[in-house]
Amino acid sequence: MGTPKGLKPIGLAARDTLRLEMGYSLYGNDLDDTTSPLEAGLGWVTKFTKDFTAKELLQQQKAEGVKRRLVGFELADKGIPSWL
């Protein structure tokens, strides 16, 4: 399909590497229903100016600070981290 233009299939590992580099979260992998947007580092997309489910809980968490936080890490050598 993309061969005439020099494109190659890459797969999910490449997608995950790129999204991790950008800091994009993937539901079910980096966060789930037990992780708040603030814990996942997504406070920047959480607008407290509108009503939504658990708004009061998240406002309290923001005021008190999160007790756990999703963080990234940088490899010292070249490679791709594996969860397997």
PDB file of N, CA and C in Angstrom:
ATOM      1  N   MET A   1       0.825  -1.187   0.000  1.00  0.00           N
ATOM      2  CA  MET A   1       0.000   0.000   0.000  1.00  0.00           C
ATOM      3  C   MET A   1       0.875   1.258   0.000  1.00  0.00           C
ATOM      4  N   GLY A   2       1.740   1.417   1.015  1.00  0.00           N
ATOM      5  CA  GLY A   2       2.600   2.593   1.061  1.00  0.00           C
ATOM      6  C   GLY A   2       3.973   2.354   0.486  1.00  0.00           C
ATOM      7  N   THR A   3       4.211   1.127  -0.019  1.00  0.00           N
ATOM      8  CA  THR A   3       5.536   0.756  -0.527  1.00  0.00           C
ATOM      9  C   THR A   3       6.035   1.699  -1.626  1.00  0.00           C
ATOM     10  N   PRO A   4       5.209   2.105  -2.571  1.00  0.00           N
ATOM     11  CA  PRO A   4       5.713   3.007  -3.615  1.00  0.00           C
ATOM     12  C   PRO A   4       6.258   4.326  -3.059  1.00  0.00           C
ATOM     13  N   LYS A   5       5.797   4.730  -1.923  1.00  0.00           N
ATOM     14  CA  LYS A   5       6.254   5.988  -1.317  1.00  0.00           C
ATOM     15  C   LYS A   5       7.315   5.745  -0.240  1.00  0.00           C
ATOM     16  N   GLY A   6       7.754   4.492  -0.086  1.00  0.00           N
ATOM     17  CA  GLY A   6       8.785   4.171   0.887  1.00  0.00           C
ATOM     18  C   GLY A   6       8.269   3.985   2.306  1.00  0.00           C
ATOM     19  N   LEU A   7       6.954   3.844   2.467  1.00  0.00           N
ATOM     20  CA  LEU A   7       6.375   3.653   3.791  1.00  0.00           C
ATOM     21  C   LEU A   7       6.433   2.189   4.193  1.00  0.00           C
ATOM     22  N   LYS A   8       6.649   1.947   5.477  1.00  0.00           N
ATOM     23  CA  LYS A   8       6.715   0.587   5.992  1.00  0.00           C
ATOM     24  C   LYS A   8       5.745   0.436   7.162  1.00  0.00           C
ATOM     25  N   PRO A   9       5.143  -0.751   7.316  1.00  0.00           N
ATOM     26  CA  PRO A   9       4.296  -0.971   8.489  1.00  0.00           C
ATOM     27  C   PRO A   9       5.151  -0.976   9.756  1.00  0.00           C
ATOM     28  N   ILE A  10       4.606  -0.426  10.855  1.00  0.00           N
ATOM     29  CA  ILE A  10       5.425  -0.354  12.056  1.00  0.00           C
ATOM     30  C   ILE A  10       4.806  -1.065  13.248  1.00  0.00           C
ATOM     31  N   GLY A  11       3.538  -0.862  13.526  1.00  0.00           N
ATOM     32  CA  GLY A  11       2.900  -1.582  14.612  1.00  0.00           C
ATOM     33  C   GLY A  11       2.748  -0.797  15.902  1.00  0.00           C
ATOM     34  N   LEU A  12       2.199  -1.490  16.895  1.00  0.00           N
ATOM     35  CA  LEU A  12       1.855  -0.860  18.161  1.00  0.00           C
ATOM     36  C   LEU A  12       3.063  -0.450  18.984  1.00  0.00           C
ATOM     37  N   ALA A  13       4.153  -1.160  18.898  1.00  0.00           N
ATOM     38  CA  ALA A  13       5.349  -0.809  19.676  1.00  0.00           C
ATOM     39  C   ALA A  13       5.852   0.578  19.284  1.00  0.00           C
ATOM     40  N   ALA A  14       5.844   0.867  17.996  1.00  0.00           N
ATOM     41  CA  ALA A  14       6.287   2.183  17.533  1.00  0.00           C
ATOM     42  C   ALA A  14       5.306   3.256  17.993  1.00  0.00           C
ATOM     43  N   ARG A  15       4.024   2.967  17.913  1.00  0.00           N
ATOM     44  CA  ARG A  15       3.016   3.916  18.380  1.00  0.00           C
ATOM     45  C   ARG A  15       3.205   4.202  19.867  1.00  0.00           C
ATOM     46  N   ASP A  16       3.420   3.167  20.657  1.00  0.00           N
ATOM     47  CA  ASP A  16       3.603   3.349  22.094  1.00  0.00           C
ATOM     48  C   ASP A  16       4.857   4.154  22.394  1.00  0.00           C
ATOM     49  N   THR A  17       5.928   3.901  21.676  1.00  0.00           N
ATOM     50  CA  THR A  17       7.163   4.650  21.888  1.00  0.00           C
ATOM     51  C   THR A  17       6.937   6.131  21.591  1.00  0.00           C
ATOM     52  N   LEU A  18       6.273   6.427  20.502  1.00  0.00           N
ATOM     53  CA  LEU A  18       6.032   7.818  20.124  1.00  0.00           C
ATOM     54  C   LEU A  18       5.093   8.513  21.107  1.00  0.00           C
ATOM     55  N   ARG A  19       4.043   7.838  21.556  1.00  0.00           N
ATOM     56  CA  ARG A  19       3.105   8.486  22.474  1.00  0.00           C
ATOM     57  C   ARG A  19       3.749   8.688  23.836  1.00  0.00           C
ATOM     58  N   LEU A  20       4.616   7.760  24.251  1.00  0.00           N
ATOM     59  CA  LEU A  20       5.332   7.936  25.515  1.00  0.00           C
ATOM     60  C   LEU A  20       6.280   9.124  25.447  1.00  0.00           C
ATOM     61  N   GLU A  21       6.948   9.289  24.320  1.00  0.00           N
ATOM     62  CA  GLU A  21       7.851  10.426  24.152  1.00  0.00           C
ATOM     63  C   GLU A  21       7.096  11.745  24.255  1.00  0.00           C
ATOM     64  N   MET A  22       5.866  11.764  23.779  1.00  0.00           N
ATOM     65  CA  MET A  22       5.051  12.980  23.824  1.00  0.00           C
ATOM     66  C   MET A  22       4.316  13.137  25.153  1.00  0.00           C
ATOM     67  N   GLY A  23       4.302  12.091  25.971  1.00  0.00           N
ATOM     68  CA  GLY A  23       3.597  12.160  27.243  1.00  0.00           C
ATOM     69  C   GLY A  23       2.100  11.933  27.109  1.00  0.00           C
ATOM     70  N   TYR A  24       1.680  11.288  26.036  1.00  0.00           N
ATOM     71  CA  TYR A  24       0.256  10.996  25.826  1.00  0.00           C
ATOM     72  C   TYR A  24      -0.115   9.707  26.554  1.00  0.00           C
ATOM     73  N   SER A  25      -1.164   9.763  27.339  1.00  0.00           N
ATOM     74  CA  SER A  25      -1.611   8.599  28.099  1.00  0.00           C
ATOM     75  C   SER A  25      -2.518   7.711  27.257  1.00  0.00           C
ATOM     76  N   LEU A  26      -2.499   6.427  27.555  1.00  0.00           N
ATOM     77  CA  LEU A  26      -3.357   5.459  26.881  1.00  0.00           C
ATOM     78  C   LEU A  26      -4.227   4.792  27.935  1.00  0.00           C
ATOM     79  N   TYR A  27      -5.544   4.969  27.824  1.00  0.00           N
ATOM     80  CA  TYR A  27      -6.457   4.398  28.798  1.00  0.00           C
ATOM     81  C   TYR A  27      -6.353   2.874  28.770  1.00  0.00           C
ATOM     82  N   GLY A  28      -6.290   2.279  29.962  1.00  0.00           N
ATOM     83  CA  GLY A  28      -6.152   0.839  30.076  1.00  0.00           C
ATOM     84  C   GLY A  28      -4.700   0.409  30.194  1.00  0.00           C
ATOM     85  N   ASN A  29      -3.785   1.320  29.853  1.00  0.00           N
ATOM     86  CA  ASN A  29      -2.369   1.021  29.963  1.00  0.00           C
ATOM     87  C   ASN A  29      -1.726   1.933  31.011  1.00  0.00           C
ATOM     88  N   ASP A  30      -1.782   3.225  30.783  1.00  0.00           N
ATOM     89  CA  ASP A  30      -1.187   4.196  31.699  1.00  0.00           C
ATOM     90  C   ASP A  30      -2.167   4.665  32.769  1.00  0.00           C
ATOM     91  N   LEU A  31      -3.440   4.622  32.473  1.00  0.00           N
ATOM     92  CA  LEU A  31      -4.455   5.020  33.431  1.00  0.00           C
ATOM     93  C   LEU A  31      -5.724   4.217  33.219  1.00  0.00           C
ATOM     94  N   ASP A  32      -6.529   4.177  34.286  1.00  0.00           N
ATOM     95  CA  ASP A  32      -7.811   3.465  34.224  1.00  0.00           C
ATOM     96  C   ASP A  32      -8.771   4.132  35.196  1.00  0.00           C
ATOM     97  N   ASP A  33      -9.845   3.459  35.548  1.00  0.00           N
ATOM     98  CA  ASP A  33     -10.849   4.080  36.408  1.00  0.00           C
ATOM     99  C   ASP A  33     -10.398   4.212  37.859  1.00  0.00           C
ATOM    100  N   THR A  34      -9.203   3.736  38.193  1.00  0.00           N
ATOM    101  CA  THR A  34      -8.658   3.923  39.541  1.00  0.00           C
ATOM    102  C   THR A  34      -7.629   5.056  39.579  1.00  0.00           C
ATOM    103  N   THR A  35      -7.374   5.681  38.448  1.00  0.00           N
ATOM    104  CA  THR A  35      -6.403   6.763  38.337  1.00  0.00           C
ATOM    105  C   THR A  35      -7.120   8.045  37.959  1.00  0.00           C
ATOM    106  N   SER A  36      -6.929   9.084  38.744  1.00  0.00           N
ATOM    107  CA  SER A  36      -7.575  10.360  38.423  1.00  0.00           C
ATOM    108  C   SER A  36      -6.762  11.091  37.355  1.00  0.00           C
ATOM    109  N   PRO A  37      -7.390  12.040  36.672  1.00  0.00           N
ATOM    110  CA  PRO A  37      -6.636  12.826  35.687  1.00  0.00           C
ATOM    111  C   PRO A  37      -5.464  13.569  36.315  1.00  0.00           C
ATOM    112  N   LEU A  38      -5.604  13.978  37.566  1.00  0.00           N
ATOM    113  CA  LEU A  38      -4.515  14.690  38.245  1.00  0.00           C
ATOM    114  C   LEU A  38      -3.349  13.750  38.530  1.00  0.00           C
ATOM    115  N   GLU A  39      -3.634  12.525  38.919  1.00  0.00           N
ATOM    116  CA  GLU A  39      -2.578  11.533  39.163  1.00  0.00           C
ATOM    117  C   GLU A  39      -1.854  11.167  37.874  1.00  0.00           C
ATOM    118  N   ALA A  40      -2.597  11.199  36.770  1.00  0.00           N
ATOM    119  CA  ALA A  40      -2.029  10.826  35.474  1.00  0.00           C
ATOM    120  C   ALA A  40      -1.322  11.995  34.789  1.00  0.00           C
ATOM    121  N   GLY A  41      -1.253  13.155  35.469  1.00  0.00           N
ATOM    122  CA  GLY A  41      -0.596  14.314  34.864  1.00  0.00           C
ATOM    123  C   GLY A  41      -1.441  14.998  33.818  1.00  0.00           C
ATOM    124  N   LEU A  42      -2.764  14.790  33.875  1.00  0.00           N
ATOM    125  CA  LEU A  42      -3.667  15.379  32.897  1.00  0.00           C
ATOM    126  C   LEU A  42      -4.481  16.530  33.480  1.00  0.00           C
ATOM    127  N   GLY A  43      -3.966  17.140  34.531  1.00  0.00           N
ATOM    128  CA  GLY A  43      -4.656  18.275  35.127  1.00  0.00           C
ATOM    129  C   GLY A  43      -4.829  19.422  34.149  1.00  0.00           C
ATOM    130  N   TRP A  44      -3.934  19.516  33.191  1.00  0.00           N
ATOM    131  CA  TRP A  44      -3.996  20.588  32.197  1.00  0.00           C
ATOM    132  C   TRP A  44      -5.209  20.481  31.276  1.00  0.00           C
ATOM    133  N   VAL A  45      -5.830  19.311  31.207  1.00  0.00           N
ATOM    134  CA  VAL A  45      -7.039  19.155  30.389  1.00  0.00           C
ATOM    135  C   VAL A  45      -8.296  19.042  31.245  1.00  0.00           C
ATOM    136  N   THR A  46      -8.148  19.210  32.555  1.00  0.00           N
ATOM    137  CA  THR A  46      -9.284  19.123  33.469  1.00  0.00           C
ATOM    138  C   THR A  46      -9.762  20.527  33.782  1.00  0.00           C
ATOM    139  N   LYS A  47     -10.913  20.912  33.212  1.00  0.00           N
ATOM    140  CA  LYS A  47     -11.454  22.251  33.402  1.00  0.00           C
ATOM    141  C   LYS A  47     -12.439  22.248  34.560  1.00  0.00           C
ATOM    142  N   PHE A  48     -12.117  22.972  35.593  1.00  0.00           N
ATOM    143  CA  PHE A  48     -12.989  23.046  36.756  1.00  0.00           C
ATOM    144  C   PHE A  48     -14.054  24.125  36.598  1.00  0.00           C
ATOM    145  N   THR A  49     -14.111  24.770  35.452  1.00  0.00           N
ATOM    146  CA  THR A  49     -15.113  25.804  35.198  1.00  0.00           C
ATOM    147  C   THR A  49     -16.439  25.220  34.743  1.00  0.00           C
ATOM    148  N   LYS A  50     -16.457  23.924  34.470  1.00  0.00           N
ATOM    149  CA  LYS A  50     -17.679  23.246  34.023  1.00  0.00           C
ATOM    150  C   LYS A  50     -18.017  22.122  34.990  1.00  0.00           C
ATOM    151  N   ASP A  51     -19.291  21.720  35.014  1.00  0.00           N
ATOM    152  CA  ASP A  51     -19.726  20.610  35.860  1.00  0.00           C
ATOM    153  C   ASP A  51     -19.401  19.280  35.191  1.00  0.00           C
ATOM    154  N   PHE A  52     -18.924  18.325  35.983  1.00  0.00           N
ATOM    155  CA  PHE A  52     -18.663  16.978  35.500  1.00  0.00           C
ATOM    156  C   PHE A  52     -18.659  16.024  36.680  1.00  0.00           C
ATOM    157  N   THR A  53     -18.711  14.747  36.395  1.00  0.00           N
ATOM    158  CA  THR A  53     -18.720  13.718  37.430  1.00  0.00           C
ATOM    159  C   THR A  53     -17.447  13.798  38.266  1.00  0.00           C
ATOM    160  N   ALA A  54     -17.592  13.745  39.569  1.00  0.00           N
ATOM    161  CA  ALA A  54     -16.476  13.741  40.537  1.00  0.00           C
ATOM    162  C   ALA A  54     -15.707  15.061  40.581  1.00  0.00           C
ATOM    163  N   LYS A  55     -16.330  16.142  40.150  1.00  0.00           N
ATOM    164  CA  LYS A  55     -15.660  17.442  40.162  1.00  0.00           C
ATOM    165  C   LYS A  55     -15.187  17.815  41.569  1.00  0.00           C
ATOM    166  N   GLU A  56     -16.056  17.629  42.566  1.00  0.00           N
ATOM    167  CA  GLU A  56     -15.707  17.999  43.936  1.00  0.00           C
ATOM    168  C   GLU A  56     -14.521  17.171  44.448  1.00  0.00           C
ATOM    169  N   LEU A  57     -14.527  15.892  44.137  1.00  0.00           N
ATOM    170  CA  LEU A  57     -13.435  15.008  44.542  1.00  0.00           C
ATOM    171  C   LEU A  57     -12.110  15.455  43.926  1.00  0.00           C
ATOM    172  N   LEU A  58     -12.135  15.800  42.656  1.00  0.00           N
ATOM    173  CA  LEU A  58     -10.913  16.233  41.982  1.00  0.00           C
ATOM    174  C   LEU A  58     -10.445  17.595  42.484  1.00  0.00           C
ATOM    175  N   GLN A  59     -11.383  18.479  42.825  1.00  0.00           N
ATOM    176  CA  GLN A  59     -10.996  19.771  43.390  1.00  0.00           C
ATOM    177  C   GLN A  59     -10.308  19.570  44.745  1.00  0.00           C
ATOM    178  N   GLN A  60     -10.827  18.650  45.536  1.00  0.00           N
ATOM    179  CA  GLN A  60     -10.214  18.338  46.830  1.00  0.00           C
ATOM    180  C   GLN A  60      -8.816  17.752  46.621  1.00  0.00           C
ATOM    181  N   GLN A  61      -8.703  16.839  45.657  1.00  0.00           N
ATOM    182  CA  GLN A  61      -7.406  16.223  45.370  1.00  0.00           C
ATOM    183  C   GLN A  61      -6.400  17.273  44.892  1.00  0.00           C
ATOM    184  N   LYS A  62      -6.861  18.211  44.086  1.00  0.00           N
ATOM    185  CA  LYS A  62      -5.980  19.270  43.600  1.00  0.00           C
ATOM    186  C   LYS A  62      -5.513  20.149  44.759  1.00  0.00           C
ATOM    187  N   ALA A  63      -6.411  20.470  45.676  1.00  0.00           N
ATOM    188  CA  ALA A  63      -6.066  21.318  46.818  1.00  0.00           C
ATOM    189  C   ALA A  63      -5.095  20.621  47.770  1.00  0.00           C
ATOM    190  N   GLU A  64      -5.315  19.341  48.015  1.00  0.00           N
ATOM    191  CA  GLU A  64      -4.491  18.584  48.964  1.00  0.00           C
ATOM    192  C   GLU A  64      -3.209  18.031  48.330  1.00  0.00           C
ATOM    193  N   GLY A  65      -3.217  17.912  47.023  1.00  0.00           N
ATOM    194  CA  GLY A  65      -2.095  17.302  46.318  1.00  0.00           C
ATOM    195  C   GLY A  65      -2.333  15.808  46.126  1.00  0.00           C
ATOM    196  N   VAL A  66      -1.804  15.272  45.059  1.00  0.00           N
ATOM    197  CA  VAL A  66      -1.999  13.852  44.765  1.00  0.00           C
ATOM    198  C   VAL A  66      -1.058  13.000  45.608  1.00  0.00           C
ATOM    199  N   LYS A  67      -1.516  11.820  45.961  1.00  0.00           N
ATOM    200  CA  LYS A  67      -0.711  10.903  46.770  1.00  0.00           C
ATOM    201  C   LYS A  67       0.114   9.948  45.905  1.00  0.00           C
ATOM    202  N   ARG A  68      -0.280   9.813  44.653  1.00  0.00           N
ATOM    203  CA  ARG A  68       0.499   9.012  43.708  1.00  0.00           C
ATOM    204  C   ARG A  68       0.475   9.728  42.367  1.00  0.00           C
ATOM    205  N   ARG A  69       1.494   9.474  41.566  1.00  0.00           N
ATOM    206  CA  ARG A  69       1.639  10.220  40.320  1.00  0.00           C
ATOM    207  C   ARG A  69       2.246   9.326  39.250  1.00  0.00           C
ATOM    208  N   LEU A  70       1.667   9.386  38.067  1.00  0.00           N
ATOM    209  CA  LEU A  70       2.212   8.682  36.915  1.00  0.00           C
ATOM    210  C   LEU A  70       3.412   9.474  36.404  1.00  0.00           C
ATOM    211  N   VAL A  71       4.561   8.826  36.307  1.00  0.00           N
ATOM    212  CA  VAL A  71       5.776   9.505  35.857  1.00  0.00           C
ATOM    213  C   VAL A  71       6.422   8.724  34.719  1.00  0.00           C
ATOM    214  N   GLY A  72       7.225   9.402  33.975  1.00  0.00           N
ATOM    215  CA  GLY A  72       7.988   8.756  32.914  1.00  0.00           C
ATOM    216  C   GLY A  72       9.420   8.571  33.357  1.00  0.00           C
ATOM    217  N   PHE A  73      10.177   7.848  32.584  1.00  0.00           N
ATOM    218  CA  PHE A  73      11.587   7.654  32.873  1.00  0.00           C
ATOM    219  C   PHE A  73      12.350   7.687  31.566  1.00  0.00           C
ATOM    220  N   GLU A  74      13.627   7.954  31.663  1.00  0.00           N
ATOM    221  CA  GLU A  74      14.478   8.016  30.481  1.00  0.00           C
ATOM    222  C   GLU A  74      15.512   6.902  30.563  1.00  0.00           C
ATOM    223  N   LEU A  75      15.639   6.138  29.490  1.00  0.00           N
ATOM    224  CA  LEU A  75      16.618   5.058  29.456  1.00  0.00           C
ATOM    225  C   LEU A  75      18.027   5.638  29.319  1.00  0.00           C
ATOM    226  N   ALA A  76      18.977   5.034  30.007  1.00  0.00           N
ATOM    227  CA  ALA A  76      20.370   5.471  29.923  1.00  0.00           C
ATOM    228  C   ALA A  76      21.003   5.047  28.602  1.00  0.00           C
ATOM    229  N   ASP A  77      20.575   3.906  28.068  1.00  0.00           N
ATOM    230  CA  ASP A  77      21.097   3.388  26.803  1.00  0.00           C
ATOM    231  C   ASP A  77      19.976   3.284  25.782  1.00  0.00           C
ATOM    232  N   LYS A  78      20.333   3.106  24.530  1.00  0.00           N
ATOM    233  CA  LYS A  78      19.327   2.922  23.495  1.00  0.00           C
ATOM    234  C   LYS A  78      18.553   1.634  23.726  1.00  0.00           C
ATOM    235  N   GLY A  79      17.277   1.675  23.417  1.00  0.00           N
ATOM    236  CA  GLY A  79      16.439   0.495  23.573  1.00  0.00           C
ATOM    237  C   GLY A  79      14.995   0.896  23.745  1.00  0.00           C
ATOM    238  N   ILE A  80      14.146  -0.074  23.789  1.00  0.00           N
ATOM    239  CA  ILE A  80      12.717   0.144  23.975  1.00  0.00           C
ATOM    240  C   ILE A  80      12.314  -0.605  25.240  1.00  0.00           C
ATOM    241  N   PRO A  81      11.704   0.086  26.208  1.00  0.00           N
ATOM    242  CA  PRO A  81      11.287  -0.600  27.429  1.00  0.00           C
ATOM    243  C   PRO A  81      10.219  -1.647  27.121  1.00  0.00           C
ATOM    244  N   SER A  82      10.255  -2.734  27.830  1.00  0.00           N
ATOM    245  CA  SER A  82       9.286  -3.798  27.622  1.00  0.00           C
ATOM    246  C   SER A  82       8.580  -4.103  28.920  1.00  0.00           C
ATOM    247  N   TRP A  83       7.270  -4.332  28.847  1.00  0.00           N
ATOM    248  CA  TRP A  83       6.482  -4.655  30.026  1.00  0.00           C
ATOM    249  C   TRP A  83       6.327  -6.166  30.175  1.00  0.00           C
ATOM    250  N   LEU A  84       6.858  -6.913  29.249  1.00  0.00           N
ATOM    251  CA  LEU A  84       6.670  -8.357  29.272  1.00  0.00           C
ATOM    252  C   LEU A  84       7.751  -9.054  30.060  1.00  0.00           C
TER     253      LEU A  84
END
